Amino acid sequence: MSYSGRFYSHALTCQHCGETFHASRYDAKYCSGLCRSRAHRAAQKHRKLRATINNDIIDYLNDYEGDLQGYENAIADLLGLVARHSTLDDPQQKAGV
């Protein structure tokens, strides 16, 4: 960390693009407003996709309500779904960043 005039400057890594940048704020997360906006939009898209999948799972399980064999089949199908969407928890990996 260095001091230049009234501002502190220290090197940080952008949480969206991964570039190194110098920030005057100690709590900076992004190298620019563009990266901040892109990260926010990616997070919104991720939350919406997660909610959609959660609702689909609930609907799917409700179809088998009270049927133990149906639940076992549903769980097997859902495990396959989870395997296909294994990158859902890492939006940067899915975006190729």
N, C-alpha and C. Protein backbone atom coordinates (compact mmCIF):
# COMPACT_ATOMS: atom_id res chain seq x y z
N MET A 1 0.86 -1.17 0.00
CA MET A 1 0.00 0.00 0.00
C MET A 1 0.90 1.23 0.00
N SER A 2 0.55 2.18 -0.82
CA SER A 2 1.33 3.40 -0.87
C SER A 2 0.41 4.60 -0.60
N TYR A 3 1.05 5.68 -0.20
CA TYR A 3 0.29 6.88 0.10
C TYR A 3 0.71 7.96 -0.89
N SER A 4 -0.25 8.49 -1.63
CA SER A 4 0.05 9.57 -2.57
C SER A 4 -0.96 10.68 -2.34
N GLY A 5 -0.50 11.76 -1.77
CA GLY A 5 -1.40 12.87 -1.48
C GLY A 5 -2.40 12.49 -0.40
N ARG A 6 -3.69 12.59 -0.73
CA ARG A 6 -4.73 12.28 0.25
C ARG A 6 -5.24 10.86 0.15
N PHE A 7 -4.85 10.12 -0.88
CA PHE A 7 -5.45 8.83 -1.14
C PHE A 7 -4.46 7.69 -0.93
N TYR A 8 -4.96 6.61 -0.38
CA TYR A 8 -4.19 5.38 -0.31
C TYR A 8 -4.42 4.60 -1.60
N SER A 9 -3.39 3.94 -2.07
CA SER A 9 -3.53 3.15 -3.28
C SER A 9 -2.92 1.78 -3.03
N HIS A 10 -3.64 0.73 -3.34
CA HIS A 10 -3.09 -0.61 -3.19
C HIS A 10 -3.60 -1.50 -4.32
N ALA A 11 -2.81 -2.49 -4.67
CA ALA A 11 -3.14 -3.37 -5.78
C ALA A 11 -4.15 -4.41 -5.32
N LEU A 12 -5.18 -4.59 -6.13
CA LEU A 12 -6.22 -5.58 -5.87
C LEU A 12 -6.51 -6.34 -7.15
N THR A 13 -7.23 -7.43 -7.05
CA THR A 13 -7.64 -8.21 -8.20
C THR A 13 -9.15 -8.06 -8.36
N CYS A 14 -9.57 -7.72 -9.57
CA CYS A 14 -10.99 -7.54 -9.87
C CYS A 14 -11.71 -8.87 -9.68
N GLN A 15 -12.80 -8.87 -8.94
CA GLN A 15 -13.55 -10.09 -8.67
C GLN A 15 -14.35 -10.56 -9.88
N HIS A 16 -14.45 -9.73 -10.92
CA HIS A 16 -15.19 -10.17 -12.11
C HIS A 16 -14.26 -10.63 -13.22
N CYS A 17 -13.32 -9.78 -13.61
CA CYS A 17 -12.47 -10.11 -14.76
C CYS A 17 -11.11 -10.69 -14.37
N GLY A 18 -10.71 -10.51 -13.12
CA GLY A 18 -9.44 -11.06 -12.65
C GLY A 18 -8.23 -10.18 -12.89
N GLU A 19 -8.42 -9.01 -13.46
CA GLU A 19 -7.31 -8.09 -13.72
C GLU A 19 -6.84 -7.44 -12.41
N THR A 20 -5.55 -7.12 -12.35
CA THR A 20 -5.00 -6.40 -11.21
C THR A 20 -5.22 -4.91 -11.44
N PHE A 21 -5.63 -4.20 -10.41
CA PHE A 21 -5.86 -2.76 -10.53
C PHE A 21 -5.47 -2.09 -9.22
N HIS A 22 -5.26 -0.79 -9.27
CA HIS A 22 -4.91 0.00 -8.08
C HIS A 22 -6.16 0.74 -7.64
N ALA A 23 -6.52 0.55 -6.39
CA ALA A 23 -7.74 1.15 -5.86
C ALA A 23 -7.41 2.18 -4.79
N SER A 24 -8.21 3.21 -4.74
CA SER A 24 -8.03 4.21 -3.70
C SER A 24 -8.87 3.87 -2.47
N ARG A 25 -9.82 2.96 -2.63
CA ARG A 25 -10.64 2.51 -1.50
C ARG A 25 -10.17 1.14 -1.05
N TYR A 26 -10.18 0.92 0.24
CA TYR A 26 -9.73 -0.36 0.78
C TYR A 26 -10.73 -1.49 0.49
N ASP A 27 -11.99 -1.15 0.24
CA ASP A 27 -13.02 -2.18 0.05
C ASP A 27 -13.44 -2.34 -1.42
N ALA A 28 -12.63 -1.86 -2.37
CA ALA A 28 -12.96 -1.99 -3.79
C ALA A 28 -12.93 -3.46 -4.20
N LYS A 29 -13.87 -3.84 -5.06
CA LYS A 29 -13.95 -5.22 -5.53
C LYS A 29 -13.75 -5.33 -7.03
N TYR A 30 -14.03 -4.25 -7.76
CA TYR A 30 -14.01 -4.30 -9.22
C TYR A 30 -13.10 -3.21 -9.76
N CYS A 31 -12.54 -3.49 -10.93
CA CYS A 31 -11.59 -2.54 -11.53
C CYS A 31 -12.29 -1.35 -12.18
N SER A 32 -13.57 -1.49 -12.51
CA SER A 32 -14.29 -0.41 -13.18
C SER A 32 -15.79 -0.55 -12.93
N GLY A 33 -16.50 0.49 -13.29
CA GLY A 33 -17.95 0.44 -13.21
C GLY A 33 -18.54 -0.59 -14.15
N LEU A 34 -17.89 -0.79 -15.30
CA LEU A 34 -18.35 -1.79 -16.26
C LEU A 34 -18.27 -3.20 -15.66
N CYS A 35 -17.16 -3.52 -15.01
CA CYS A 35 -17.03 -4.84 -14.37
C CYS A 35 -18.03 -4.99 -13.22
N ARG A 36 -18.25 -3.91 -12.48
CA ARG A 36 -19.23 -3.96 -11.40
C ARG A 36 -20.62 -4.26 -11.95
N SER A 37 -20.99 -3.59 -13.04
CA SER A 37 -22.30 -3.82 -13.66
C SER A 37 -22.42 -5.24 -14.21
N ARG A 38 -21.36 -5.70 -14.88
CA ARG A 38 -21.39 -7.05 -15.44
C ARG A 38 -21.49 -8.10 -14.34
N ALA A 39 -20.78 -7.89 -13.24
CA ALA A 39 -20.84 -8.83 -12.12
C ALA A 39 -22.23 -8.85 -11.51
N HIS A 40 -22.84 -7.68 -11.38
CA HIS A 40 -24.19 -7.59 -10.83
C HIS A 40 -25.20 -8.30 -11.73
N ARG A 41 -25.09 -8.09 -13.04
CA ARG A 41 -26.00 -8.75 -13.98
C ARG A 41 -25.81 -10.26 -13.97
N ALA A 42 -24.56 -10.71 -13.89
CA ALA A 42 -24.29 -12.15 -13.84
C ALA A 42 -24.88 -12.76 -12.57
N ALA A 43 -24.77 -12.04 -11.45
CA ALA A 43 -25.32 -12.54 -10.18
C ALA A 43 -26.84 -12.60 -10.25
N GLN A 44 -27.47 -11.58 -10.87
CA GLN A 44 -28.93 -11.60 -11.02
C GLN A 44 -29.37 -12.79 -11.87
N LYS A 45 -28.67 -13.03 -12.96
CA LYS A 45 -29.00 -14.13 -13.85
C LYS A 45 -28.82 -15.47 -13.12
N HIS A 46 -27.77 -15.57 -12.32
CA HIS A 46 -27.51 -16.78 -11.55
C HIS A 46 -28.61 -17.03 -10.52
N ARG A 47 -29.03 -15.98 -9.81
CA ARG A 47 -30.12 -16.12 -8.82
C ARG A 47 -31.43 -16.53 -9.49
N LYS A 48 -31.72 -15.93 -10.65
CA LYS A 48 -32.96 -16.26 -11.36
C LYS A 48 -32.94 -17.71 -11.83
N LEU A 49 -31.81 -18.17 -12.35
CA LEU A 49 -31.68 -19.55 -12.80
C LEU A 49 -31.80 -20.51 -11.62
N ARG A 50 -31.18 -20.17 -10.51
CA ARG A 50 -31.25 -21.01 -9.30
C ARG A 50 -32.69 -21.12 -8.82
N ALA A 51 -33.43 -20.00 -8.80
CA ALA A 51 -34.83 -20.02 -8.36
C ALA A 51 -35.68 -20.85 -9.31
N THR A 52 -35.43 -20.75 -10.61
CA THR A 52 -36.18 -21.53 -11.60
C THR A 52 -35.95 -23.01 -11.38
N ILE A 53 -34.70 -23.39 -11.19
CA ILE A 53 -34.39 -24.81 -10.97
C ILE A 53 -35.01 -25.29 -9.67
N ASN A 54 -34.92 -24.49 -8.60
CA ASN A 54 -35.53 -24.88 -7.33
C ASN A 54 -37.04 -25.08 -7.48
N ASN A 55 -37.71 -24.19 -8.20
CA ASN A 55 -39.15 -24.33 -8.41
C ASN A 55 -39.46 -25.58 -9.23
N ASP A 56 -38.63 -25.87 -10.24
CA ASP A 56 -38.84 -27.07 -11.05
C ASP A 56 -38.68 -28.33 -10.20
N ILE A 57 -37.70 -28.32 -9.29
CA ILE A 57 -37.49 -29.47 -8.41
C ILE A 57 -38.69 -29.68 -7.50
N ILE A 58 -39.19 -28.60 -6.92
CA ILE A 58 -40.36 -28.70 -6.03
C ILE A 58 -41.57 -29.22 -6.79
N ASP A 59 -41.81 -28.69 -7.99
CA ASP A 59 -42.93 -29.17 -8.80
C ASP A 59 -42.76 -30.65 -9.15
N TYR A 60 -41.54 -31.03 -9.48
CA TYR A 60 -41.26 -32.42 -9.86
C TYR A 60 -41.53 -33.35 -8.68
N LEU A 61 -41.07 -32.97 -7.48
CA LEU A 61 -41.28 -33.80 -6.30
C LEU A 61 -42.75 -33.83 -5.89
N ASN A 62 -43.47 -32.74 -6.07
CA ASN A 62 -44.89 -32.72 -5.73
C ASN A 62 -45.69 -33.69 -6.58
N ASP A 63 -45.22 -33.97 -7.81
CA ASP A 63 -45.90 -34.94 -8.67
C ASP A 63 -45.85 -36.35 -8.07
N TYR A 64 -44.84 -36.61 -7.22
CA TYR A 64 -44.67 -37.94 -6.64
C TYR A 64 -45.07 -38.00 -5.17
N GLU A 65 -45.82 -37.05 -4.73
CA GLU A 65 -46.20 -36.96 -3.31
C GLU A 65 -46.86 -38.25 -2.83
N GLY A 66 -46.33 -38.82 -1.74
CA GLY A 66 -46.89 -40.01 -1.13
C GLY A 66 -46.48 -41.32 -1.75
N ASP A 67 -45.67 -41.28 -2.79
CA ASP A 67 -45.27 -42.50 -3.48
C ASP A 67 -43.76 -42.68 -3.31
N LEU A 68 -43.36 -43.62 -2.41
CA LEU A 68 -41.94 -43.81 -2.09
C LEU A 68 -41.13 -44.19 -3.33
N GLN A 69 -41.63 -45.11 -4.13
CA GLN A 69 -40.90 -45.50 -5.34
C GLN A 69 -40.76 -44.31 -6.29
N GLY A 70 -41.80 -43.49 -6.33
CA GLY A 70 -41.74 -42.29 -7.16
C GLY A 70 -40.67 -41.34 -6.68
N TYR A 71 -40.56 -41.18 -5.35
CA TYR A 71 -39.51 -40.32 -4.80
C TYR A 71 -38.13 -40.83 -5.16
N GLU A 72 -37.93 -42.15 -5.07
CA GLU A 72 -36.62 -42.71 -5.42
C GLU A 72 -36.30 -42.44 -6.89
N ASN A 73 -37.27 -42.59 -7.76
CA ASN A 73 -37.05 -42.30 -9.17
C ASN A 73 -36.79 -40.81 -9.39
N ALA A 74 -37.52 -39.98 -8.67
CA ALA A 74 -37.35 -38.53 -8.80
C ALA A 74 -35.96 -38.12 -8.34
N ILE A 75 -35.49 -38.69 -7.24
CA ILE A 75 -34.16 -38.35 -6.73
C ILE A 75 -33.10 -38.78 -7.73
N ALA A 76 -33.24 -39.96 -8.32
CA ALA A 76 -32.28 -40.40 -9.34
C ALA A 76 -32.27 -39.44 -10.53
N ASP A 77 -33.44 -39.01 -10.97
CA ASP A 77 -33.51 -38.06 -12.07
C ASP A 77 -32.89 -36.72 -11.70
N LEU A 78 -33.14 -36.26 -10.46
CA LEU A 78 -32.59 -34.98 -10.03
C LEU A 78 -31.07 -35.03 -9.91
N LEU A 79 -30.52 -36.17 -9.48
CA LEU A 79 -29.07 -36.30 -9.42
C LEU A 79 -28.46 -36.18 -10.81
N GLY A 80 -29.14 -36.71 -11.80
CA GLY A 80 -28.69 -36.54 -13.18
C GLY A 80 -28.74 -35.09 -13.61
N LEU A 81 -29.80 -34.37 -13.20
CA LEU A 81 -29.92 -32.95 -13.51
C LEU A 81 -28.80 -32.16 -12.87
N VAL A 82 -28.48 -32.46 -11.62
CA VAL A 82 -27.40 -31.77 -10.91
C VAL A 82 -26.07 -32.01 -11.61
N ALA A 83 -25.83 -33.23 -12.06
CA ALA A 83 -24.59 -33.54 -12.75
C ALA A 83 -24.46 -32.73 -14.05
N ARG A 84 -25.56 -32.53 -14.75
CA ARG A 84 -25.52 -31.75 -15.99
C ARG A 84 -25.30 -30.27 -15.73
N HIS A 85 -25.71 -29.79 -14.57
CA HIS A 85 -25.58 -28.37 -14.23
C HIS A 85 -24.55 -28.16 -13.13
N SER A 86 -23.45 -28.87 -13.17
CA SER A 86 -22.46 -28.80 -12.10
C SER A 86 -21.77 -27.46 -12.02
N THR A 87 -21.79 -26.65 -13.07
CA THR A 87 -21.14 -25.35 -13.05
C THR A 87 -22.07 -24.25 -12.58
N LEU A 88 -23.27 -24.59 -12.15
CA LEU A 88 -24.24 -23.58 -11.74
C LEU A 88 -23.74 -22.72 -10.57
N ASP A 89 -22.98 -23.31 -9.65
CA ASP A 89 -22.53 -22.57 -8.49
C ASP A 89 -21.35 -21.66 -8.79
N ASP A 90 -20.77 -21.72 -9.98
CA ASP A 90 -19.62 -20.88 -10.34
C ASP A 90 -19.91 -20.14 -11.63
N PRO A 91 -20.55 -18.94 -11.53
CA PRO A 91 -20.93 -18.22 -12.74
C PRO A 91 -19.73 -17.83 -13.60
N GLN A 92 -18.55 -17.60 -13.00
CA GLN A 92 -17.38 -17.24 -13.78
C GLN A 92 -16.92 -18.43 -14.61
N GLN A 93 -16.98 -19.65 -14.04
CA GLN A 93 -16.57 -20.83 -14.77
C GLN A 93 -17.53 -21.06 -15.93
N LYS A 94 -18.81 -20.86 -15.70
CA LYS A 94 -19.81 -21.07 -16.75
C LYS A 94 -19.67 -20.03 -17.85
N ALA A 95 -19.28 -18.79 -17.47
CA ALA A 95 -19.11 -17.72 -18.45
C ALA A 95 -17.78 -17.83 -19.18
N GLY A 96 -16.89 -18.67 -18.71
CA GLY A 96 -15.59 -18.83 -19.36
C GLY A 96 -14.58 -17.78 -18.97
N VAL A 97 -14.78 -17.13 -17.84
CA VAL A 97 -13.84 -16.09 -17.38
C VAL A 97 -12.72 -16.73 -16.62
